[in-house]
Amino acid sequence: MKKIPLRTCIVTREKAPKSSLIRLVKVDDKVIVDLTGKLNGHGAYIAKSSEALEKLKKNKKILVKEFGDLDYSDLFQQLEEIISG
């Protein structure tokens, strides 16, 4: 039986299969969504739920802790599009 890789959501702190999470990667001075899961760079995962996204918007310190003090406005738009459909 093949082992399913688990990752931890940075917002909810719950472990879930890698395929059910969205990977965020810091590339240069931006944080982008990594849909392929193969981009180089420091990565973190967020659950594919509107609740996790809302918590992340309210508590941006989570992103600052992971990636540093950057502009995350484009990231929130991308995440909304992915989660909503």
N, C-alpha and C. Protein backbone atom coordinates (compact mmCIF):
# COMPACT_ATOMS: atom_id res chain seq x y z
N MET A 1 0.83 -1.17 0.00
CA MET A 1 0.00 0.00 0.00
C MET A 1 0.88 1.25 0.00
N LYS A 2 0.55 2.20 -0.87
CA LYS A 2 1.34 3.41 -1.00
C LYS A 2 0.99 4.41 0.12
N LYS A 3 2.01 5.00 0.69
CA LYS A 3 1.81 5.97 1.77
C LYS A 3 1.37 7.31 1.18
N ILE A 4 0.34 7.92 1.76
CA ILE A 4 -0.16 9.22 1.31
C ILE A 4 0.55 10.30 2.11
N PRO A 5 1.24 11.25 1.42
CA PRO A 5 1.95 12.30 2.16
C PRO A 5 0.97 13.25 2.86
N LEU A 6 1.21 13.51 4.13
CA LEU A 6 0.40 14.44 4.90
C LEU A 6 1.17 15.73 5.12
N ARG A 7 0.44 16.83 5.10
CA ARG A 7 1.02 18.14 5.38
C ARG A 7 0.12 18.86 6.38
N THR A 8 0.67 19.86 7.05
CA THR A 8 -0.08 20.59 8.06
C THR A 8 -0.48 21.97 7.52
N CYS A 9 -1.76 22.29 7.68
CA CYS A 9 -2.27 23.61 7.28
C CYS A 9 -1.72 24.65 8.26
N ILE A 10 -1.20 25.77 7.74
CA ILE A 10 -0.63 26.80 8.61
C ILE A 10 -1.70 27.57 9.37
N VAL A 11 -2.96 27.47 8.94
CA VAL A 11 -4.04 28.19 9.60
C VAL A 11 -4.72 27.32 10.65
N THR A 12 -5.18 26.16 10.25
CA THR A 12 -5.96 25.30 11.15
C THR A 12 -5.08 24.35 11.96
N ARG A 13 -3.84 24.17 11.55
CA ARG A 13 -2.88 23.25 12.17
C ARG A 13 -3.32 21.79 12.08
N GLU A 14 -4.23 21.48 11.16
CA GLU A 14 -4.68 20.10 10.97
C GLU A 14 -3.86 19.43 9.89
N LYS A 15 -3.59 18.15 10.07
CA LYS A 15 -2.87 17.39 9.05
C LYS A 15 -3.88 16.88 8.03
N ALA A 16 -3.50 16.95 6.76
CA ALA A 16 -4.38 16.50 5.68
C ALA A 16 -3.51 15.99 4.54
N PRO A 17 -4.09 15.18 3.65
CA PRO A 17 -3.33 14.75 2.47
C PRO A 17 -2.88 15.95 1.65
N LYS A 18 -1.69 15.84 1.12
CA LYS A 18 -1.09 16.93 0.34
C LYS A 18 -2.00 17.39 -0.79
N SER A 19 -2.73 16.46 -1.39
CA SER A 19 -3.58 16.79 -2.53
C SER A 19 -4.80 17.62 -2.14
N SER A 20 -5.17 17.65 -0.88
CA SER A 20 -6.34 18.42 -0.46
C SER A 20 -5.98 19.80 0.08
N LEU A 21 -4.72 20.18 -0.03
CA LEU A 21 -4.25 21.48 0.44
C LEU A 21 -3.72 22.31 -0.72
N ILE A 22 -3.59 23.61 -0.49
CA ILE A 22 -3.02 24.53 -1.47
C ILE A 22 -1.62 24.89 -0.99
N ARG A 23 -0.63 24.77 -1.87
CA ARG A 23 0.75 25.09 -1.49
C ARG A 23 1.06 26.54 -1.83
N LEU A 24 1.65 27.23 -0.89
CA LEU A 24 2.11 28.61 -1.09
C LEU A 24 3.63 28.58 -1.06
N VAL A 25 4.26 29.35 -1.97
CA VAL A 25 5.71 29.35 -2.08
C VAL A 25 6.21 30.78 -2.15
N LYS A 26 7.31 31.03 -1.43
CA LYS A 26 7.96 32.34 -1.51
C LYS A 26 8.99 32.28 -2.63
N VAL A 27 8.78 33.11 -3.64
CA VAL A 27 9.70 33.22 -4.77
C VAL A 27 10.10 34.68 -4.86
N ASP A 28 11.38 34.96 -4.75
CA ASP A 28 11.91 36.33 -4.68
C ASP A 28 11.24 37.05 -3.50
N ASP A 29 10.53 38.13 -3.76
CA ASP A 29 9.86 38.88 -2.70
C ASP A 29 8.35 38.76 -2.80
N LYS A 30 7.86 37.64 -3.35
CA LYS A 30 6.43 37.42 -3.50
C LYS A 30 6.07 36.04 -2.99
N VAL A 31 4.85 35.90 -2.55
CA VAL A 31 4.32 34.59 -2.21
C VAL A 31 3.28 34.25 -3.26
N ILE A 32 3.45 33.11 -3.91
CA ILE A 32 2.54 32.71 -4.97
C ILE A 32 1.93 31.34 -4.67
N VAL A 33 0.85 31.05 -5.37
CA VAL A 33 0.19 29.75 -5.24
C VAL A 33 0.90 28.78 -6.18
N ASP A 34 1.29 27.64 -5.64
CA ASP A 34 1.97 26.60 -6.42
C ASP A 34 0.98 25.47 -6.70
N LEU A 35 0.34 25.51 -7.85
CA LEU A 35 -0.65 24.48 -8.19
C LEU A 35 -0.01 23.15 -8.55
N THR A 36 1.24 23.18 -9.02
CA THR A 36 1.92 21.95 -9.40
C THR A 36 2.54 21.24 -8.20
N GLY A 37 2.87 22.00 -7.16
CA GLY A 37 3.51 21.42 -5.99
C GLY A 37 4.98 21.15 -6.19
N LYS A 38 5.56 21.72 -7.24
CA LYS A 38 6.95 21.40 -7.56
C LYS A 38 7.88 22.62 -7.64
N LEU A 39 7.36 23.81 -7.35
CA LEU A 39 8.22 25.00 -7.43
C LEU A 39 9.26 24.97 -6.33
N ASN A 40 10.43 25.50 -6.64
CA ASN A 40 11.49 25.62 -5.63
C ASN A 40 11.16 26.77 -4.70
N GLY A 41 11.62 26.65 -3.48
CA GLY A 41 11.44 27.72 -2.52
C GLY A 41 10.76 27.23 -1.27
N HIS A 42 10.69 28.11 -0.29
CA HIS A 42 10.07 27.80 0.99
C HIS A 42 8.56 27.69 0.79
N GLY A 43 7.98 26.56 1.15
CA GLY A 43 6.56 26.34 0.94
C GLY A 43 5.81 26.15 2.23
N ALA A 44 4.52 26.44 2.18
CA ALA A 44 3.61 26.21 3.30
C ALA A 44 2.26 25.84 2.70
N TYR A 45 1.40 25.23 3.49
CA TYR A 45 0.13 24.73 2.98
C TYR A 45 -1.04 25.36 3.72
N ILE A 46 -2.14 25.56 2.97
CA ILE A 46 -3.39 26.06 3.55
C ILE A 46 -4.52 25.17 3.06
N ALA A 47 -5.50 24.93 3.94
CA ALA A 47 -6.64 24.09 3.59
C ALA A 47 -7.47 24.77 2.50
N LYS A 48 -8.10 23.95 1.65
CA LYS A 48 -8.97 24.46 0.59
C LYS A 48 -10.37 24.71 1.14
N SER A 49 -10.47 25.66 2.07
CA SER A 49 -11.78 25.98 2.64
C SER A 49 -11.89 27.49 2.83
N SER A 50 -13.11 27.98 2.69
CA SER A 50 -13.33 29.41 2.87
C SER A 50 -13.11 29.82 4.33
N GLU A 51 -13.33 28.89 5.26
CA GLU A 51 -13.10 29.20 6.68
C GLU A 51 -11.62 29.45 6.94
N ALA A 52 -10.77 28.61 6.37
CA ALA A 52 -9.32 28.79 6.55
C ALA A 52 -8.86 30.10 5.92
N LEU A 53 -9.41 30.43 4.76
CA LEU A 53 -9.04 31.68 4.09
C LEU A 53 -9.46 32.89 4.92
N GLU A 54 -10.66 32.85 5.47
CA GLU A 54 -11.14 33.97 6.30
C GLU A 54 -10.27 34.14 7.54
N LYS A 55 -9.90 33.03 8.17
CA LYS A 55 -9.01 33.11 9.34
C LYS A 55 -7.66 33.70 8.96
N LEU A 56 -7.17 33.34 7.78
CA LEU A 56 -5.88 33.85 7.32
C LEU A 56 -5.95 35.34 7.05
N LYS A 57 -7.07 35.80 6.47
CA LYS A 57 -7.24 37.24 6.21
C LYS A 57 -7.27 38.04 7.51
N LYS A 58 -7.93 37.48 8.53
CA LYS A 58 -8.04 38.18 9.81
C LYS A 58 -6.73 38.17 10.57
N ASN A 59 -5.95 37.11 10.41
CA ASN A 59 -4.70 36.97 11.16
C ASN A 59 -3.53 36.83 10.19
N LYS A 60 -3.11 37.94 9.62
CA LYS A 60 -2.03 37.93 8.63
C LYS A 60 -0.68 37.63 9.27
N LYS A 61 -0.63 37.62 10.59
CA LYS A 61 0.62 37.30 11.29
C LYS A 61 1.09 35.89 10.94
N ILE A 62 0.14 35.02 10.58
CA ILE A 62 0.50 33.65 10.20
C ILE A 62 1.41 33.69 8.97
N LEU A 63 1.04 34.50 7.97
CA LEU A 63 1.86 34.62 6.76
C LEU A 63 3.18 35.32 7.04
N VAL A 64 3.13 36.34 7.88
CA VAL A 64 4.36 37.07 8.22
C VAL A 64 5.34 36.14 8.92
N LYS A 65 4.83 35.27 9.78
CA LYS A 65 5.68 34.31 10.49
C LYS A 65 6.33 33.33 9.51
N GLU A 66 5.57 32.89 8.52
CA GLU A 66 6.08 31.91 7.55
C GLU A 66 7.01 32.53 6.51
N PHE A 67 6.63 33.68 5.97
CA PHE A 67 7.32 34.22 4.80
C PHE A 67 7.96 35.60 4.99
N GLY A 68 7.66 36.29 6.06
CA GLY A 68 8.19 37.63 6.26
C GLY A 68 7.15 38.68 5.92
N ASP A 69 7.50 39.94 6.10
CA ASP A 69 6.56 41.05 5.91
C ASP A 69 6.53 41.45 4.44
N LEU A 70 5.54 40.92 3.70
CA LEU A 70 5.40 41.20 2.27
C LEU A 70 3.98 41.68 1.98
N ASP A 71 3.72 42.03 0.72
CA ASP A 71 2.37 42.41 0.29
C ASP A 71 1.63 41.14 -0.12
N TYR A 72 0.53 40.86 0.56
CA TYR A 72 -0.20 39.62 0.32
C TYR A 72 -1.54 39.84 -0.38
N SER A 73 -1.83 41.04 -0.87
CA SER A 73 -3.14 41.32 -1.44
C SER A 73 -3.43 40.45 -2.68
N ASP A 74 -2.46 40.27 -3.57
CA ASP A 74 -2.66 39.43 -4.75
C ASP A 74 -2.87 37.97 -4.35
N LEU A 75 -2.19 37.54 -3.33
CA LEU A 75 -2.29 36.16 -2.87
C LEU A 75 -3.72 35.84 -2.42
N PHE A 76 -4.34 36.76 -1.69
CA PHE A 76 -5.70 36.52 -1.22
C PHE A 76 -6.68 36.40 -2.39
N GLN A 77 -6.48 37.20 -3.44
CA GLN A 77 -7.34 37.10 -4.63
C GLN A 77 -7.18 35.74 -5.29
N GLN A 78 -5.96 35.29 -5.44
CA GLN A 78 -5.70 33.98 -6.06
C GLN A 78 -6.33 32.85 -5.24
N LEU A 79 -6.18 32.92 -3.94
CA LEU A 79 -6.74 31.89 -3.08
C LEU A 79 -8.26 31.86 -3.15
N GLU A 80 -8.89 33.05 -3.20
CA GLU A 80 -10.35 33.11 -3.32
C GLU A 80 -10.83 32.45 -4.60
N GLU A 81 -10.14 32.72 -5.71
CA GLU A 81 -10.51 32.13 -7.00
C GLU A 81 -10.38 30.61 -6.96
N ILE A 82 -9.33 30.10 -6.37
CA ILE A 82 -9.09 28.66 -6.32
C ILE A 82 -10.13 27.97 -5.43
N ILE A 83 -10.40 28.55 -4.28
CA ILE A 83 -11.33 27.94 -3.34
C ILE A 83 -12.77 28.01 -3.82
N SER A 84 -13.14 29.14 -4.43
CA SER A 84 -14.53 29.30 -4.87
C SER A 84 -14.86 28.49 -6.14
N GLY A 85 -13.85 28.13 -6.88
CA GLY A 85 -14.24 27.34 -8.04
C GLY A 85 -13.18 27.13 -9.00
